[in-house]
Amino acid sequence: MKKQLLTTTALVAAGVFAVSGAALAQKPTLSLGGSTEQIFGVGENSTAYDNASGQRLGFDQHSDTEIHFNGSVTLDNGIKIRTRTELEGETIDNAGTANIANGGSAAGTSNDIIDETWMRISGSFGEVRLGSGDAAAQAMTTGYLGTWSTGVGQNLAFDTGDWVTNPTTVSVSTVGRIDLSSDAEHVSYFTPRFAGFQAGLSYIPSTQEDVNNGRSLTAAGDTEGWSMGVNFDRKFGGIGVGVAVGYATANESTLGLDDPESWGIAGRIDFAGFRVGLSWVDTQDQGTAINTASNGQETFEAGIRYTFGPNAVSAQYLSAEADSRAAARDNDDLETFWLAYRRTLGPGVFWKVSAIFADYDDGAVGAASGTSNDGQALTTSIQIRF
């Protein structure tokens, strides 16, 4: 019934759009955007972990580049259409080989060369989003999460493990967003913002990403997913207040496992150059019995940022704990703490320094010391945003 309703709604919307007198006010334009960041630093793992898993470089240099192809056009009736295709800068092709022990992909596989690709249609009715990108719960809450809303250095969620290695035996992640579908193709609707409030809803046919030459197999990924979020963002005098909540679920494709669910709440407050953010996200993907595939995670984040002139400093903390019926995964946990500084050198040009401390704990009974890890790192980088 839900699928029939969604299909009918989409067809009616397309019909209204087609007969509404829409015409091109000007030729569509295409522009380039994106960012590139060059990072170097020094990191250290625990001796027990490196002895068990292989020694790593102390000093290293990393790159993080993404090119955006942005299309846009405004119709005579005021409807705006925007598109984006995101090209990743650091990938290997299908013939490439990499050292798996050092975090590389296996021979004969490829990283995600194209990240997101989407179209957004907006007007007084709100916005419709089509394609591969963040579903509603993630899109409506990420900017309010404790570390995402306050970071000024590298990205804590994605970059902690680049410098202090997360063991494969520790089944928790520094990425604690409300996300069950990654960048799988979906259909979303976002309302206009009214009195500070905005809501969004996504339907995700399959969590199997980048399948565009046929309909996805129901067994290839979770199916018929729903993702929804609401946020509130408004200023009261000189104080800015933001609150966001989100929920996502889908039909589980693996027998013996319950349907996955993820929900979270986040809030931030801005005053006198400061921003303080707090968030809690609970993700459950658990089976009806002990199962090595069952896993869940609870993530708490907190951060504070202070901006003065072209400078900004921040302190961030993330704690995550596995919640699983699998004995090998239950009680795994991690903590990471960041201190960072950023200076704006010019429009779109930033110098960053990040001090990283992380502790990954394998919670299995009798786990060897080499299956856990703790360490620290210091990095600096130059980033250009186009």
Protein backbone atom coordinates (compact mmCIF):
# COMPACT_ATOMS: atom_id res chain seq x y z
CA MET A 1 0.00 0.00 0.00
CA LYS A 2 2.83 2.41 0.89
CA LYS A 3 4.60 1.69 -2.38
CA GLN A 4 1.38 2.22 -4.38
CA LEU A 5 0.73 5.50 -2.56
CA LEU A 6 4.28 6.70 -3.15
CA THR A 7 4.14 5.76 -6.86
CA THR A 8 0.78 7.50 -7.31
CA THR A 9 2.02 10.63 -5.53
CA ALA A 10 5.17 10.75 -7.66
CA LEU A 11 3.19 10.38 -10.91
CA VAL A 12 0.69 13.07 -9.90
CA ALA A 13 3.53 15.43 -8.93
CA ALA A 14 5.25 14.81 -12.27
CA GLY A 15 1.99 15.53 -14.11
CA VAL A 16 1.40 18.78 -12.24
CA PHE A 17 4.98 19.83 -12.91
CA ALA A 18 4.66 19.05 -16.62
CA VAL A 19 1.43 21.03 -17.20
CA SER A 20 2.15 23.96 -14.87
CA GLY A 21 3.50 26.11 -17.65
CA ALA A 22 7.11 25.46 -16.66
CA ALA A 23 9.56 26.76 -19.21
CA LEU A 24 13.22 27.65 -19.17
CA ALA A 25 13.96 31.19 -18.11
CA GLN A 26 17.58 30.64 -19.13
CA LYS A 27 19.85 27.86 -20.26
CA PRO A 28 21.00 25.48 -17.46
CA THR A 29 24.47 26.24 -16.15
CA LEU A 30 27.25 23.93 -14.99
CA SER A 31 29.92 24.97 -12.50
CA LEU A 32 32.73 23.32 -10.59
CA GLY A 33 33.12 23.22 -6.81
CA GLY A 34 34.51 20.98 -4.11
CA SER A 35 37.54 21.02 -1.86
CA THR A 36 41.07 19.72 -1.54
CA GLU A 37 43.04 19.23 1.66
CA GLN A 38 46.65 18.17 2.11
CA ILE A 39 47.42 16.81 5.57
CA PHE A 40 50.61 15.70 7.26
CA GLY A 41 51.18 14.61 10.82
CA VAL A 42 52.54 12.04 13.22
CA GLY A 43 50.58 9.28 14.96
CA GLU A 44 51.23 6.52 17.45
CA ASN A 45 49.43 3.26 18.27
CA SER A 46 49.91 1.13 21.37
CA THR A 47 52.98 -1.13 21.24
CA ALA A 48 50.88 -4.27 21.81
CA TYR A 49 48.60 -3.46 18.87
CA ASP A 50 51.43 -2.69 16.44
CA ASN A 51 53.30 -5.82 17.51
CA ALA A 52 50.21 -7.91 16.75
CA SER A 53 49.06 -6.14 13.59
CA GLY A 54 52.19 -4.71 11.98
CA GLN A 55 54.24 -1.59 12.48
CA ARG A 56 52.98 1.66 10.94
CA LEU A 57 54.70 4.85 9.91
CA GLY A 58 55.03 7.53 12.55
CA PHE A 59 55.05 10.49 10.16
CA ASP A 60 52.63 10.30 7.21
CA GLN A 61 51.01 12.51 4.57
CA HIS A 62 47.38 12.19 3.43
CA SER A 63 45.20 13.82 0.79
CA ASP A 64 41.44 14.46 0.75
CA THR A 65 39.99 15.84 -2.48
CA GLU A 66 36.49 15.96 -3.93
CA ILE A 67 35.34 17.71 -7.11
CA HIS A 68 31.69 18.76 -7.47
CA PHE A 69 29.94 19.21 -10.82
CA ASN A 70 27.03 21.53 -10.01
CA GLY A 71 24.15 22.11 -12.40
CA SER A 72 21.35 24.63 -11.92
CA VAL A 73 18.43 26.19 -13.73
CA THR A 74 15.40 28.31 -12.77
CA LEU A 75 12.15 27.85 -14.68
CA ASP A 76 9.81 30.72 -15.60
CA ASN A 77 7.40 29.62 -12.85
CA GLY A 78 10.13 30.06 -10.22
CA ILE A 79 10.89 26.38 -9.69
CA LYS A 80 14.62 25.79 -9.18
CA ILE A 81 16.39 22.61 -10.24
CA ARG A 82 19.88 21.81 -8.96
CA THR A 83 22.08 18.80 -9.62
CA ARG A 84 25.39 17.59 -8.25
CA THR A 85 27.82 14.80 -9.06
CA GLU A 86 30.71 14.35 -6.61
CA LEU A 87 33.99 12.89 -7.87
CA GLU A 88 36.31 11.42 -5.22
CA GLY A 89 39.98 12.28 -5.57
CA GLU A 90 41.53 9.35 -3.68
CA THR A 91 40.50 6.06 -5.31
CA ILE A 92 41.92 3.00 -7.02
CA ASP A 93 40.55 1.42 -10.16
CA ASN A 94 39.37 -2.16 -10.67
CA ALA A 95 42.83 -3.30 -11.65
CA GLY A 96 44.46 -1.70 -8.65
CA THR A 97 46.07 -3.54 -5.77
CA ALA A 98 46.54 -2.40 -2.21
CA ASN A 99 47.83 -3.74 1.08
CA ILE A 100 44.71 -4.86 2.94
CA ALA A 101 46.56 -4.96 6.25
CA ASN A 102 47.24 -1.27 5.87
CA GLY A 103 43.64 -0.33 5.14
CA GLY A 104 43.63 -0.75 1.36
CA SER A 105 41.03 -2.41 -0.85
CA ALA A 106 41.45 -5.93 -2.17
CA ALA A 107 42.85 -6.49 -5.66
CA GLY A 108 40.15 -6.36 -8.31
CA THR A 109 37.85 -4.07 -6.33
CA SER A 110 37.36 -0.34 -6.43
CA ASN A 111 36.59 2.42 -4.00
CA ASP A 112 33.53 4.63 -4.59
CA ILE A 113 34.86 6.89 -7.35
CA ILE A 114 31.55 8.79 -7.62
CA ASP A 115 30.26 9.68 -4.17
CA GLU A 116 26.85 11.34 -4.38
CA THR A 117 24.81 12.22 -7.45
CA TRP A 118 21.42 13.89 -7.04
CA MET A 119 18.78 16.31 -8.30
CA ARG A 120 16.86 18.79 -6.11
CA ILE A 121 13.64 20.49 -7.23
CA SER A 122 12.55 23.36 -5.00
CA GLY A 123 9.89 26.03 -4.81
CA SER A 124 7.28 27.43 -2.46
CA PHE A 125 6.10 23.83 -1.91
CA GLY A 126 9.43 22.82 -0.33
CA GLU A 127 12.03 20.58 -1.94
CA VAL A 128 12.04 17.17 -3.62
CA ARG A 129 15.36 15.33 -3.69
CA LEU A 130 16.06 12.41 -6.05
CA GLY A 131 19.15 10.25 -6.36
CA SER A 132 22.12 9.15 -4.30
CA GLY A 133 22.85 11.14 -1.15
CA ASP A 134 21.92 11.61 2.51
CA ALA A 135 18.44 10.43 3.44
CA ALA A 136 16.20 12.71 5.52
CA ALA A 137 17.14 11.60 9.04
CA GLN A 138 20.84 12.06 8.29
CA ALA A 139 20.39 15.29 6.33
CA MET A 140 18.20 16.87 9.03
CA THR A 141 20.41 15.99 12.02
CA THR A 142 24.10 15.77 11.03
CA GLY A 143 24.75 19.51 11.29
CA TYR A 144 23.44 19.46 14.87
CA LEU A 145 25.43 16.48 16.20
CA GLY A 146 27.90 17.27 18.97
CA THR A 147 31.16 16.85 17.05
CA TRP A 148 29.88 17.68 13.55
CA SER A 149 28.48 21.04 14.65
CA THR A 150 31.60 22.17 16.54
CA GLY A 151 34.58 20.83 14.59
CA VAL A 152 37.19 23.19 13.16
CA GLY A 153 40.02 20.75 12.39
CA GLN A 154 39.88 17.52 10.46
CA ASN A 155 36.64 15.54 10.62
CA LEU A 156 36.55 13.52 13.86
CA ALA A 157 34.11 10.94 12.48
CA PHE A 158 36.08 10.07 9.36
CA ASP A 159 39.68 10.95 10.25
CA THR A 160 40.30 9.53 13.75
CA GLY A 161 41.06 6.06 12.38
CA ASP A 162 43.44 7.52 9.78
CA TRP A 163 45.90 8.38 12.55
CA VAL A 164 45.04 6.10 15.50
CA THR A 165 44.04 2.74 14.04
CA ASN A 166 40.67 1.20 14.90
CA PRO A 167 41.23 -2.58 15.22
CA THR A 168 38.97 -4.82 13.14
CA THR A 169 38.16 -6.65 16.39
CA VAL A 170 36.47 -3.52 17.80
CA SER A 171 33.02 -3.28 16.23
CA VAL A 172 32.23 0.35 16.99
CA SER A 173 32.74 3.37 14.80
CA THR A 174 33.43 7.07 15.22
CA VAL A 175 30.74 7.66 12.54
CA GLY A 176 27.61 7.84 14.70
CA ARG A 177 25.11 9.47 12.32
CA ILE A 178 21.49 8.34 11.79
CA ASP A 179 22.28 6.39 8.65
CA LEU A 180 21.13 2.91 7.59
CA SER A 181 21.45 3.33 3.82
CA SER A 182 24.71 5.19 3.12
CA ASP A 183 24.24 6.98 -0.23
CA ALA A 184 21.68 4.56 -1.66
CA GLU A 185 19.26 5.99 -4.23
CA HIS A 186 16.06 7.35 -2.70
CA VAL A 187 13.19 9.83 -3.00
CA SER A 188 12.91 12.60 -0.38
CA TYR A 189 10.62 15.51 0.42
CA PHE A 190 11.52 18.45 2.67
CA THR A 191 8.96 21.00 3.82
CA PRO A 192 9.58 24.75 3.75
CA ARG A 193 10.92 26.09 7.06
CA PHE A 194 8.13 27.61 9.14
CA ALA A 195 8.63 29.37 12.49
CA GLY A 196 12.05 27.68 12.70
CA PHE A 197 10.75 24.15 11.99
CA GLN A 198 11.45 21.93 8.98
CA ALA A 199 10.66 18.25 8.36
CA GLY A 200 11.90 15.69 5.86
CA LEU A 201 10.89 12.19 4.75
CA SER A 202 12.74 9.69 2.52
CA TYR A 203 11.72 6.41 0.91
CA ILE A 204 14.67 4.11 0.13
CA PRO A 205 13.72 1.20 -2.16
CA SER A 206 16.99 -0.65 -1.45
CA THR A 207 20.07 0.07 0.62
CA GLN A 208 22.16 -1.48 -2.17
CA GLU A 209 23.96 1.54 -3.58
CA ASP A 210 24.66 2.45 -7.22
CA VAL A 211 22.38 -0.13 -8.85
CA ASN A 212 20.97 1.74 -11.84
CA ASN A 213 20.87 -0.86 -14.61
CA GLY A 214 18.06 -2.93 -13.12
CA ARG A 215 15.81 -3.33 -10.10
CA SER A 216 17.70 -4.41 -6.99
CA LEU A 217 17.39 -7.95 -5.68
CA THR A 218 15.48 -8.02 -2.40
CA ALA A 219 18.18 -10.25 -0.89
CA ALA A 220 21.03 -7.92 -1.90
CA GLY A 221 20.33 -5.31 0.78
CA ASP A 222 17.72 -4.09 3.21
CA THR A 223 14.62 -2.84 1.40
CA GLU A 224 11.66 -0.45 1.65
CA GLY A 225 13.47 1.85 4.06
CA TRP A 226 12.04 4.99 5.61
CA SER A 227 14.07 7.88 6.98
CA MET A 228 12.58 10.95 8.64
CA GLY A 229 13.74 13.97 10.57
CA VAL A 230 12.63 17.27 12.08
CA ASN A 231 14.78 20.19 13.14
CA PHE A 232 14.25 23.59 14.70
CA ASP A 233 16.65 26.46 14.11
CA ARG A 234 16.00 29.98 15.34
CA LYS A 235 17.57 32.98 17.07
CA PHE A 236 16.25 34.50 20.26
CA GLY A 237 17.96 37.83 20.73
CA GLY A 238 21.67 37.11 20.48
CA ILE A 239 21.27 33.38 21.19
CA GLY A 240 20.88 30.78 18.45
CA VAL A 241 19.08 27.54 19.28
CA GLY A 242 19.04 24.39 17.15
CA VAL A 243 17.41 21.03 17.93
CA ALA A 244 17.06 17.99 15.65
CA VAL A 245 15.56 14.50 15.90
CA GLY A 246 15.62 11.68 13.36
CA TYR A 247 14.54 8.08 12.84
CA ALA A 248 15.31 5.48 10.15
CA THR A 249 14.32 1.86 9.55
CA ALA A 250 14.13 -0.72 6.75
CA ASN A 251 13.05 -4.31 6.08
CA GLU A 252 15.93 -6.64 7.03
CA SER A 253 17.06 -8.91 4.19
CA THR A 254 18.92 -11.46 6.35
CA LEU A 255 16.89 -14.24 7.95
CA GLY A 256 17.06 -14.34 11.74
CA LEU A 257 17.74 -10.64 12.14
CA ASP A 258 15.29 -8.01 13.28
CA ASP A 259 14.67 -4.92 11.16
CA PRO A 260 17.40 -2.32 11.69
CA GLU A 261 16.47 0.91 13.44
CA SER A 262 18.36 4.11 14.16
CA TRP A 263 17.22 7.19 16.03
CA GLY A 264 18.86 10.18 17.59
CA ILE A 265 18.48 13.61 19.12
CA ALA A 266 20.88 16.54 18.92
CA GLY A 267 21.03 20.13 20.04
CA ARG A 268 23.31 23.13 19.75
CA ILE A 269 23.37 26.64 21.16
CA ASP A 270 25.26 29.70 19.87
CA PHE A 271 26.15 32.76 21.93
CA ALA A 272 28.92 35.39 22.06
CA GLY A 273 31.18 33.52 19.61
CA PHE A 274 30.64 30.15 21.32
CA ARG A 275 28.82 27.08 20.07
CA VAL A 276 28.04 24.10 22.31
CA GLY A 277 26.67 20.86 20.84
CA LEU A 278 25.39 17.59 22.36
CA SER A 279 23.90 14.51 20.70
CA TRP A 280 22.85 10.90 21.26
CA VAL A 281 22.35 8.31 18.48
CA ASP A 282 21.18 4.71 19.01
CA THR A 283 21.46 2.23 16.13
CA GLN A 284 20.07 -1.29 16.45
CA ASP A 285 20.62 -4.08 13.92
CA GLN A 286 20.22 -7.15 16.08
CA GLY A 287 19.20 -10.74 15.49
CA THR A 288 16.76 -12.85 17.44
CA ALA A 289 19.64 -14.97 18.72
CA ILE A 290 23.42 -14.77 19.05
CA ASN A 291 24.58 -14.00 15.55
CA THR A 292 27.94 -12.70 14.40
CA ALA A 293 26.14 -10.40 11.96
CA SER A 294 24.07 -8.70 14.63
CA ASN A 295 25.35 -5.38 15.83
CA GLY A 296 24.24 -2.08 17.27
CA GLN A 297 25.88 1.02 18.67
CA GLU A 298 25.09 3.86 21.06
CA THR A 299 27.01 7.08 20.41
CA PHE A 300 27.31 10.17 22.61
CA GLU A 301 28.97 13.33 21.29
CA ALA A 302 29.82 16.66 22.88
CA GLY A 303 31.71 19.65 21.56
CA ILE A 304 32.45 23.31 22.13
CA ARG A 305 33.75 25.86 19.62
CA TYR A 306 34.87 29.45 19.98
CA THR A 307 35.32 31.77 16.99
CA PHE A 308 37.25 35.04 17.20
CA GLY A 309 38.01 36.96 14.05
CA PRO A 310 39.59 34.63 11.47
CA ASN A 311 40.43 32.09 14.21
CA ALA A 312 38.47 29.23 15.72
CA VAL A 313 39.27 26.64 18.39
CA SER A 314 37.31 23.58 19.44
CA ALA A 315 37.26 20.66 21.88
CA GLN A 316 35.30 17.52 20.97
CA TYR A 317 34.51 14.24 22.68
CA LEU A 318 32.88 11.06 21.35
CA SER A 319 32.03 7.87 23.23
CA ALA A 320 30.54 4.81 21.52
CA GLU A 321 29.58 1.39 22.86
CA ALA A 322 28.52 -1.72 20.97
CA ASP A 323 25.10 -3.17 21.78
CA SER A 324 24.98 -6.68 20.36
CA ARG A 325 23.83 -10.20 21.15
CA ALA A 326 27.08 -11.47 19.64
CA ALA A 327 29.53 -12.17 22.48
CA ALA A 328 32.52 -11.20 20.32
CA ARG A 329 31.06 -7.73 19.75
CA ASP A 330 29.12 -6.85 22.88
CA ASN A 331 30.91 -4.47 25.26
CA ASP A 332 33.29 -3.17 22.58
CA ASP A 333 33.71 0.56 23.08
CA LEU A 334 35.75 3.57 22.04
CA GLU A 335 36.49 7.05 23.26
CA THR A 336 38.12 9.85 21.31
CA PHE A 337 38.97 13.42 22.29
CA TRP A 338 40.07 16.18 19.92
CA LEU A 339 41.55 19.65 20.31
CA ALA A 340 41.71 21.74 17.13
CA TYR A 341 42.59 25.17 15.79
CA ARG A 342 41.66 26.75 12.44
CA ARG A 343 42.69 30.02 10.87
CA THR A 344 41.05 31.47 7.77
CA LEU A 345 43.88 32.61 5.49
CA GLY A 346 41.57 34.01 2.83
CA PRO A 347 38.18 33.30 1.23
CA GLY A 348 37.91 29.51 1.11
CA VAL A 349 41.47 28.90 2.38
CA PHE A 350 42.09 27.39 5.84
CA TRP A 351 45.02 26.25 7.95
CA LYS A 352 44.15 23.59 10.55
CA VAL A 353 45.86 21.85 13.47
CA SER A 354 44.32 18.82 15.21
CA ALA A 355 45.44 16.95 18.33
CA ILE A 356 43.84 13.49 18.48
CA PHE A 357 43.52 11.04 21.37
CA ALA A 358 41.68 7.72 20.91
CA ASP A 359 41.10 4.51 22.86
CA TYR A 360 39.52 1.43 21.20
CA ASP A 361 38.65 -1.45 23.55
CA ASP A 362 37.89 -5.02 22.51
CA GLY A 363 35.32 -6.02 25.13
CA ALA A 364 35.42 -9.78 24.49
CA VAL A 365 36.16 -11.86 27.60
CA GLY A 366 39.85 -12.83 27.62
CA ALA A 367 40.68 -10.64 24.61
CA ALA A 368 44.41 -10.34 23.93
CA SER A 369 45.95 -6.91 24.51
CA GLY A 370 46.86 -6.68 20.82
CA THR A 371 43.17 -6.67 19.81
CA SER A 372 42.62 -3.28 21.47
CA ASN A 373 44.44 -0.03 20.73
CA ASP A 374 44.99 3.44 22.08
CA GLY A 375 47.14 6.25 20.78
CA GLN A 376 47.50 9.87 19.85
CA ALA A 377 48.34 12.01 16.85
CA LEU A 378 49.09 15.58 15.83
CA THR A 379 48.20 16.75 12.32
CA THR A 380 48.24 19.97 10.35
CA SER A 381 46.71 20.74 6.97
CA ILE A 382 45.89 23.34 4.33
CA GLN A 383 42.38 23.14 2.86
CA ILE A 384 40.95 25.00 -0.13
CA ARG A 385 37.18 25.04 -0.66
CA PHE A 386 36.07 26.05 -4.14
